[in-house]
Structures are given as structure tokens and as C-alpha cells.
Amino acid sequence: MRSGRDTEAALRRIDELAPAERDVLRLLDTGLSNGEIADRLYLSAGTVKAHISCILTRTGCANRVQAVVLAHDAGLLDER
């Protein structure tokens, strides 16, 4: 069971993400490729790649999997 403290820490890490970056982060959980995410959000694959890069940089995550775990901990994936 997650503690409220862990959730708060995760929320702080994703707090500065732009709405479009949050949308991309939610779709990372589905295992879609950049191109598939782009199709779902009506973006270019390059834009999705840029959003993922920003997500990783702003949250301090090393990869997509860590970003998805962080989103889960923050409750972001519950908002779908």
C-alpha cells in the first residue's frame, strides 16, 4: 500500500509537466510506441519524442518505465 507521503512526493515531481506532457505520460502506461501515441493524440512522432524527453528531464526519471511508475504513484493513471 502506498503512503500519502509517497504520493505527495510523486505529485511534486510531475507538478511542472504541461498538460500535453501529462497526456503523453498517461499513454506511456499502455505500452504504445511514440508513433502510436502520436496517432492517438494527433501529434507528430517528433513532438511525442520531445514530450517524453521533457517528462524524463523534469521528473528525474531515467526511462519510460520509471516515468510510468512515477505516474502511477502520483495517481495520474487513475484519472483516465
C-alpha atoms as a PDB file:
ATOM      1  CA  MET A   1       0.000   0.000   0.000  1.00  0.00           C
ATOM      2  CA  ARG A   2       1.304   3.436  -0.920  1.00  0.00           C
ATOM      3  CA  SER A   3       1.635   6.045   1.769  1.00  0.00           C
ATOM      4  CA  GLY A   4       0.306   9.558   1.345  1.00  0.00           C
ATOM      5  CA  ARG A   5       3.868  10.812   1.648  1.00  0.00           C
ATOM      6  CA  ASP A   6       4.980   8.779  -1.393  1.00  0.00           C
ATOM      7  CA  THR A   7       2.020  10.084  -3.378  1.00  0.00           C
ATOM      8  CA  GLU A   8       2.831  13.667  -2.410  1.00  0.00           C
ATOM      9  CA  ALA A   9       6.465  13.257  -3.438  1.00  0.00           C
ATOM     10  CA  ALA A  10       5.421  11.794  -6.794  1.00  0.00           C
ATOM     11  CA  LEU A  11       2.898  14.603  -7.330  1.00  0.00           C
ATOM     12  CA  ARG A  12       5.603  17.209  -6.734  1.00  0.00           C
ATOM     13  CA  ARG A  13       7.786  15.551  -9.387  1.00  0.00           C
ATOM     14  CA  ILE A  14       5.067  15.671 -12.061  1.00  0.00           C
ATOM     15  CA  ASP A  15       3.604  19.017 -10.990  1.00  0.00           C
ATOM     16  CA  GLU A  16       5.528  21.050 -13.575  1.00  0.00           C
ATOM     17  CA  LEU A  17       4.538  18.910 -16.560  1.00  0.00           C
ATOM     18  CA  ALA A  18       2.490  20.630 -19.236  1.00  0.00           C
ATOM     19  CA  PRO A  19      -0.976  19.207 -19.953  1.00  0.00           C
ATOM     20  CA  ALA A  20       0.243  17.698 -23.246  1.00  0.00           C
ATOM     21  CA  GLU A  21       3.147  16.030 -21.435  1.00  0.00           C
ATOM     22  CA  ARG A  22       0.715  14.558 -18.902  1.00  0.00           C
ATOM     23  CA  ASP A  23      -1.362  13.183 -21.781  1.00  0.00           C
ATOM     24  CA  VAL A  24       1.733  11.516 -23.235  1.00  0.00           C
ATOM     25  CA  LEU A  25       2.716  10.184 -19.805  1.00  0.00           C
ATOM     26  CA  ARG A  26      -0.708   8.590 -19.361  1.00  0.00           C
ATOM     27  CA  LEU A  27      -0.341   6.815 -22.712  1.00  0.00           C
ATOM     28  CA  LEU A  28       3.167   5.572 -21.906  1.00  0.00           C
ATOM     29  CA  ASP A  29       1.472   3.192 -19.471  1.00  0.00           C
ATOM     30  CA  THR A  30      -0.297   1.471 -22.353  1.00  0.00           C
ATOM     31  CA  GLY A  31       2.970   0.347 -23.946  1.00  0.00           C
ATOM     32  CA  LEU A  32       2.315   2.224 -27.176  1.00  0.00           C
ATOM     33  CA  SER A  33       5.187   3.339 -29.394  1.00  0.00           C
ATOM     34  CA  ASN A  34       5.894   7.024 -29.975  1.00  0.00           C
ATOM     35  CA  GLY A  35       4.155   6.779 -33.340  1.00  0.00           C
ATOM     36  CA  GLU A  36       1.080   5.151 -31.836  1.00  0.00           C
ATOM     37  CA  ILE A  37       0.914   7.789 -29.094  1.00  0.00           C
ATOM     38  CA  ALA A  38       1.251  10.457 -31.785  1.00  0.00           C
ATOM     39  CA  ASP A  39      -1.671   8.972 -33.713  1.00  0.00           C
ATOM     40  CA  ARG A  40      -3.868   8.887 -30.599  1.00  0.00           C
ATOM     41  CA  LEU A  41      -3.081  12.492 -29.641  1.00  0.00           C
ATOM     42  CA  TYR A  42      -2.962  13.891 -33.193  1.00  0.00           C
ATOM     43  CA  LEU A  43       0.670  14.918 -32.797  1.00  0.00           C
ATOM     44  CA  SER A  44       3.795  14.170 -34.782  1.00  0.00           C
ATOM     45  CA  ALA A  45       6.095  11.404 -33.587  1.00  0.00           C
ATOM     46  CA  GLY A  46       8.804  14.043 -33.133  1.00  0.00           C
ATOM     47  CA  THR A  47       6.576  16.056 -30.821  1.00  0.00           C
ATOM     48  CA  VAL A  48       5.845  12.948 -28.744  1.00  0.00           C
ATOM     49  CA  LYS A  49       9.575  12.211 -28.564  1.00  0.00           C
ATOM     50  CA  ALA A  50      10.204  15.781 -27.386  1.00  0.00           C
ATOM     51  CA  HIS A  51       7.460  15.494 -24.759  1.00  0.00           C
ATOM     52  CA  ILE A  52       8.943  12.241 -23.468  1.00  0.00           C
ATOM     53  CA  SER A  53      12.368  13.855 -23.247  1.00  0.00           C
ATOM     54  CA  CYS A  54      10.876  16.738 -21.229  1.00  0.00           C
ATOM     55  CA  ILE A  55       8.985  14.306 -18.996  1.00  0.00           C
ATOM     56  CA  LEU A  56      12.169  12.387 -18.209  1.00  0.00           C
ATOM     57  CA  THR A  57      14.189  15.545 -17.587  1.00  0.00           C
ATOM     58  CA  ARG A  58      11.605  17.327 -15.431  1.00  0.00           C
ATOM     59  CA  THR A  59      10.778  14.279 -13.313  1.00  0.00           C
ATOM     60  CA  GLY A  60      14.327  12.975 -12.975  1.00  0.00           C
ATOM     61  CA  CYS A  61      13.370   9.602 -14.445  1.00  0.00           C
ATOM     62  CA  ALA A  62      15.930   7.622 -16.410  1.00  0.00           C
ATOM     63  CA  ASN A  63      13.476   5.893 -18.743  1.00  0.00           C
ATOM     64  CA  ARG A  64       9.851   5.398 -19.754  1.00  0.00           C
ATOM     65  CA  VAL A  65       9.264   2.651 -17.211  1.00  0.00           C
ATOM     66  CA  GLN A  66      10.381   4.848 -14.316  1.00  0.00           C
ATOM     67  CA  ALA A  67       8.125   7.632 -15.597  1.00  0.00           C
ATOM     68  CA  VAL A  68       5.125   5.273 -15.676  1.00  0.00           C
ATOM     69  CA  VAL A  69       5.845   4.078 -12.129  1.00  0.00           C
ATOM     70  CA  LEU A  70       6.041   7.702 -11.014  1.00  0.00           C
ATOM     71  CA  ALA A  71       2.738   8.499 -12.746  1.00  0.00           C
ATOM     72  CA  HIS A  72       1.154   5.511 -11.032  1.00  0.00           C
ATOM     73  CA  ASP A  73       2.495   6.601  -7.631  1.00  0.00           C
ATOM     74  CA  ALA A  74       1.111  10.108  -8.218  1.00  0.00           C
ATOM     75  CA  GLY A  75      -2.325   8.755  -9.118  1.00  0.00           C
ATOM     76  CA  LEU A  76      -2.097  10.252 -12.594  1.00  0.00           C
ATOM     77  CA  LEU A  77      -3.097   6.992 -14.239  1.00  0.00           C
ATOM     78  CA  ASP A  78      -6.252   6.837 -12.134  1.00  0.00           C
ATOM     79  CA  GLU A  79      -7.502   9.983 -13.925  1.00  0.00           C
ATOM     80  CA  ARG A  80      -8.027   8.219 -17.254  1.00  0.00           C
END
